[in-house]
Amino acid sequence: MASAIPKHVWEMFIRATPQDVWALLTDDEKTPLWQHFNMTSRTEWVVGGAITFFVGDREMIVGKVLEIDPPHRFVHSFSAQWSPDVAVDPASRVTWLIEAVGENACKLTLTHDDFGGDTATSKAVGSGWPEALSRLKTLAETGEPFYIAAPMHG
């Protein structure tokens, strides 16, 4: 029987050093260049520090820095705030793992898990992360932002 505990894992190879990817990931000024919906972020880069993602001045995701091991591992909690159905979910966990593969390449693995069950958050994050990771890869490899228009709802 398949596990009922949701766990999202994305892996990709990036033509950039772990240090280059880490520099993008941990620079709040660069977040809107790669994050879903061009979100901005404000982060206290210490264990226990706050990490918050915004659209405009509205908090969309709030969390805490759980682990920080430059330039290889960054773990933070993730509490979605974008709608009432996700705001009641328990905080989940996002783990960024960056491993060197060769001279100027790395493997990025993002794991989003520890949802506390099959929650609204666990169902919602499957579309945002692939966009953010694709945009991060493009930015790391080319230095150019890759903007994707927000989907029209209506």
Protein backbone atom coordinates (compact mmCIF):
# COMPACT_ATOMS: atom_id res chain seq x y z
CA MET A 1 0.00 0.00 0.00
CA ALA A 2 1.32 3.45 -0.91
CA SER A 3 2.15 5.80 1.89
CA ALA A 4 -0.56 8.36 2.57
CA ILE A 5 2.04 10.85 3.78
CA PRO A 6 2.67 13.35 0.97
CA LYS A 7 6.23 14.19 0.04
CA HIS A 8 7.22 16.24 -2.98
CA VAL A 9 10.74 15.83 -4.36
CA TRP A 10 12.22 17.64 -7.35
CA GLU A 11 15.74 17.05 -8.68
CA MET A 12 17.55 18.96 -11.38
CA PHE A 13 21.03 19.57 -12.66
CA ILE A 14 22.22 23.14 -13.02
CA ARG A 15 25.21 24.37 -15.01
CA ALA A 16 26.53 26.50 -12.14
CA THR A 17 28.58 25.95 -9.01
CA PRO A 18 26.89 25.19 -5.70
CA GLN A 19 28.19 28.57 -4.51
CA ASP A 20 26.47 30.37 -7.42
CA VAL A 21 23.13 28.65 -6.74
CA TRP A 22 23.48 29.26 -3.00
CA ALA A 23 24.17 32.95 -3.65
CA LEU A 24 20.89 33.29 -5.57
CA LEU A 25 18.90 31.23 -3.10
CA THR A 26 20.10 33.20 -0.08
CA ASP A 27 19.89 36.74 -1.48
CA ASP A 28 16.50 38.26 -0.67
CA GLU A 29 17.11 40.90 -3.36
CA LYS A 30 17.18 38.13 -6.00
CA THR A 31 14.09 36.19 -4.81
CA PRO A 32 11.59 37.93 -7.16
CA LEU A 33 13.81 36.97 -10.11
CA TRP A 34 13.02 33.26 -9.60
CA GLN A 35 10.21 32.75 -7.09
CA HIS A 36 6.64 31.78 -8.05
CA PHE A 37 4.47 34.91 -8.64
CA ASN A 38 7.70 37.00 -8.42
CA MET A 39 7.36 36.88 -4.63
CA THR A 40 9.77 38.91 -2.54
CA SER A 41 11.33 37.59 0.66
CA ARG A 42 12.75 38.79 3.93
CA THR A 43 14.99 36.34 5.76
CA GLU A 44 17.04 36.32 8.95
CA TRP A 45 19.88 34.03 7.85
CA VAL A 46 20.42 32.30 11.21
CA VAL A 47 18.91 29.14 12.69
CA GLY A 48 15.64 30.17 14.29
CA GLY A 49 15.40 33.28 12.10
CA ALA A 50 12.21 34.20 10.29
CA ILE A 51 11.70 33.64 6.56
CA THR A 52 8.73 35.36 4.95
CA PHE A 53 7.59 35.49 1.31
CA PHE A 54 5.36 38.33 0.12
CA VAL A 55 3.23 39.37 -2.83
CA GLY A 56 3.23 43.13 -2.47
CA ASP A 57 3.01 43.68 1.28
CA ARG A 58 0.86 40.58 1.88
CA GLU A 59 2.50 37.64 3.66
CA MET A 60 2.06 34.50 1.52
CA ILE A 61 4.42 32.06 3.29
CA VAL A 62 5.94 32.35 6.74
CA GLY A 63 8.49 30.08 8.34
CA LYS A 64 11.63 29.67 10.38
CA VAL A 65 15.17 28.80 9.32
CA LEU A 66 15.78 25.28 10.69
CA GLU A 67 19.24 24.47 9.25
CA ILE A 68 21.78 26.44 7.26
CA ASP A 69 24.96 24.84 5.91
CA PRO A 70 26.42 26.99 3.08
CA PRO A 71 26.56 26.21 0.22
CA HIS A 72 24.99 22.77 0.51
CA ARG A 73 21.89 22.62 2.69
CA PHE A 74 19.13 24.98 3.72
CA VAL A 75 16.02 23.85 5.61
CA HIS A 76 13.07 26.02 6.58
CA SER A 77 9.53 25.58 7.78
CA PHE A 78 6.70 26.60 5.45
CA SER A 79 3.35 27.85 6.63
CA ALA A 80 1.13 28.92 3.75
CA GLN A 81 -0.97 32.03 4.31
CA TRP A 82 -2.36 32.75 0.85
CA SER A 83 -5.90 31.50 1.56
CA PRO A 84 -8.00 30.39 4.54
CA ASP A 85 -7.88 26.69 3.56
CA VAL A 86 -4.07 26.53 3.77
CA ALA A 87 -3.66 28.96 6.67
CA VAL A 88 -5.12 26.37 9.08
CA ASP A 89 -2.63 23.65 8.03
CA PRO A 90 0.35 22.83 10.26
CA ALA A 91 3.73 24.11 9.11
CA SER A 92 5.55 21.84 6.66
CA ARG A 93 9.27 21.58 5.83
CA VAL A 94 11.31 22.57 2.77
CA THR A 95 14.83 21.15 2.33
CA TRP A 96 17.20 22.52 -0.32
CA LEU A 97 20.18 20.23 -1.02
CA ILE A 98 22.91 21.41 -3.42
CA GLU A 99 25.60 18.91 -4.44
CA ALA A 100 28.57 19.59 -6.72
CA VAL A 101 28.80 17.36 -9.80
CA GLY A 102 31.95 18.15 -11.76
CA GLU A 103 33.65 21.47 -12.39
CA ASN A 104 30.80 23.89 -12.97
CA ALA A 105 27.64 21.94 -12.24
CA CYS A 106 25.48 20.93 -9.34
CA LYS A 107 22.47 18.83 -8.51
CA LEU A 108 19.69 20.65 -6.71
CA THR A 109 17.17 18.54 -4.79
CA LEU A 110 14.20 20.25 -3.21
CA THR A 111 12.09 18.19 -0.81
CA HIS A 112 8.84 19.57 0.59
CA ASP A 113 7.44 17.26 3.24
CA ASP A 114 6.28 16.92 6.86
CA PHE A 115 2.82 18.28 5.97
CA GLY A 116 1.08 16.47 8.80
CA GLY A 117 -1.18 14.63 6.37
CA ASP A 118 -2.79 15.16 2.97
CA THR A 119 -3.45 18.86 3.58
CA ALA A 120 -4.59 21.71 1.35
CA THR A 121 -0.97 22.92 1.42
CA SER A 122 0.39 19.55 0.27
CA LYS A 123 -2.01 19.64 -2.70
CA ALA A 124 -1.30 23.30 -3.57
CA VAL A 125 2.50 23.41 -3.66
CA GLY A 126 2.91 20.99 -6.59
CA SER A 127 2.46 23.73 -9.18
CA GLY A 128 4.54 26.50 -7.60
CA TRP A 129 7.82 24.71 -6.99
CA PRO A 130 8.44 23.48 -10.58
CA GLU A 131 8.09 27.06 -11.81
CA ALA A 132 10.37 28.48 -9.11
CA LEU A 133 13.02 25.79 -9.65
CA SER A 134 12.97 26.22 -13.44
CA ARG A 135 13.35 29.96 -13.05
CA LEU A 136 16.19 29.50 -10.53
CA LYS A 137 18.00 27.16 -12.95
CA THR A 138 17.66 29.63 -15.83
CA LEU A 139 18.86 32.53 -13.68
CA ALA A 140 21.87 30.55 -12.38
CA GLU A 141 22.86 29.39 -15.87
CA THR A 142 22.28 32.57 -17.88
CA GLY A 143 22.21 35.44 -15.40
CA GLU A 144 18.90 36.46 -16.97
CA PRO A 145 15.53 36.29 -15.19
CA PHE A 146 12.90 34.03 -16.74
CA TYR A 147 9.54 35.64 -16.08
CA ILE A 148 6.39 33.57 -16.37
CA ALA A 149 3.03 35.32 -16.54
CA ALA A 150 0.73 34.57 -13.63
CA PRO A 151 -2.16 32.31 -14.66
CA MET A 152 -5.44 34.05 -15.34
CA HIS A 153 -8.29 32.92 -13.14
CA GLY A 154 -11.80 33.62 -14.25
